[in-house]
Amino acid sequence: VANVDTWLKRTTQMSGELEPFEIIYVPKGLSIQLIGFAEPVEEEWEKSRHQHVHLHRKLLLAAPPVTIKQDKFEIFVGQGDARPSLNC
């Protein structure tokens, strides 16, 4: 569960440095299904980006995010089906 309003991103870059299509807004209180636990960022190239990297967590999503677009931002509303689809 998101404890605060936050962003899903592929890197630890500051959200303001990224284009709107590179981030997904996650409102406080929404549940995010993960594979495993949230972990500290360990990649050296990420750890040197800025002084707040220690506050970031690496997440592996259990299913793709489902979003709605509002203005120029994608807003997380849940997750899709994690099971592989069968083409019959």
Protein backbone atom coordinates (compact mmCIF):
# COMPACT_ATOMS: atom_id res chain seq x y z
CA VAL A 1 0.00 0.00 0.00
CA ALA A 2 1.34 3.43 -0.90
CA ASN A 3 1.93 5.22 2.42
CA VAL A 4 2.19 8.63 0.72
CA ASP A 5 1.44 10.07 -2.71
CA THR A 6 4.32 8.85 -4.87
CA TRP A 7 5.55 8.05 -8.38
CA LEU A 8 6.46 4.83 -10.18
CA LYS A 9 9.59 5.39 -12.29
CA ARG A 10 12.19 3.26 -14.03
CA THR A 11 15.06 5.16 -12.39
CA THR A 12 15.83 7.09 -9.21
CA GLN A 13 15.93 10.37 -11.12
CA MET A 14 13.97 13.16 -9.49
CA SER A 15 10.40 13.21 -10.83
CA GLY A 16 10.79 16.80 -12.00
CA GLU A 17 13.67 15.73 -14.27
CA LEU A 18 11.48 13.23 -16.13
CA GLU A 19 8.92 13.69 -18.88
CA PRO A 20 5.27 13.00 -17.92
CA PHE A 21 5.21 9.79 -20.00
CA GLU A 22 8.10 8.40 -17.89
CA ILE A 23 6.26 8.47 -14.54
CA ILE A 24 3.04 7.11 -13.07
CA TYR A 25 1.41 8.91 -10.16
CA VAL A 26 0.33 6.60 -7.30
CA PRO A 27 -2.14 8.15 -4.82
CA LYS A 28 -1.73 7.42 -1.11
CA GLY A 29 -3.61 4.33 0.03
CA LEU A 30 -3.63 2.36 -3.24
CA SER A 31 -2.46 -1.23 -3.09
CA ILE A 32 0.39 -2.28 -5.39
CA GLN A 33 0.85 -6.01 -5.93
CA LEU A 34 4.56 -6.91 -5.93
CA ILE A 35 6.76 -9.89 -6.59
CA GLY A 36 8.68 -9.97 -3.32
CA PHE A 37 9.40 -7.10 -0.98
CA ALA A 38 10.34 -3.52 -1.81
CA GLU A 39 14.14 -3.35 -1.66
CA PRO A 40 16.73 -0.58 -1.33
CA VAL A 41 18.29 0.54 -4.60
CA GLU A 42 21.69 -1.18 -4.92
CA GLU A 43 22.82 -0.34 -8.46
CA GLU A 44 25.90 1.92 -8.27
CA TRP A 45 24.84 4.09 -11.24
CA GLU A 46 21.51 4.78 -9.47
CA LYS A 47 22.99 5.37 -6.00
CA SER A 48 25.08 8.29 -7.27
CA ARG A 49 22.19 10.23 -8.87
CA HIS A 50 21.32 12.42 -5.87
CA GLN A 51 21.43 12.58 -2.06
CA HIS A 52 17.93 11.13 -1.60
CA VAL A 53 18.42 7.79 -3.40
CA HIS A 54 18.45 6.00 -0.03
CA LEU A 55 14.74 6.91 0.26
CA HIS A 56 13.85 5.17 -3.03
CA ARG A 57 12.76 1.53 -3.20
CA LYS A 58 13.05 -0.95 -6.05
CA LEU A 59 9.74 -2.65 -6.86
CA LEU A 60 8.97 -5.61 -9.08
CA LEU A 61 5.32 -5.39 -10.07
CA ALA A 62 3.29 -8.61 -10.09
CA ALA A 63 1.23 -7.33 -13.04
CA PRO A 64 1.30 -4.38 -15.42
CA PRO A 65 -0.05 -1.11 -14.03
CA VAL A 66 -3.50 0.06 -15.10
CA THR A 67 -3.69 3.83 -15.44
CA ILE A 68 -6.00 6.63 -16.44
CA LYS A 69 -4.72 9.79 -18.07
CA GLN A 70 -5.50 13.14 -16.48
CA ASP A 71 -4.05 16.21 -18.15
CA LYS A 72 -0.55 15.04 -19.11
CA PHE A 73 -0.04 12.47 -16.32
CA GLU A 74 -0.82 8.76 -15.98
CA ILE A 75 -2.51 7.92 -12.66
CA PHE A 76 -2.25 4.42 -11.20
CA VAL A 77 -5.66 2.86 -10.55
CA GLY A 78 -4.73 -0.81 -10.18
CA GLN A 79 -3.02 -3.65 -11.99
CA GLY A 80 -3.86 -5.88 -14.92
CA ASP A 81 -3.97 -9.62 -15.07
CA ALA A 82 -0.61 -11.23 -14.27
CA ARG A 83 -1.57 -14.53 -15.87
CA PRO A 84 -0.45 -15.17 -19.45
CA SER A 85 -3.27 -14.93 -21.96
CA LEU A 86 -4.25 -17.95 -24.05
CA ASN A 87 -4.82 -17.38 -27.75
CA CYS A 88 -7.35 -20.00 -28.84
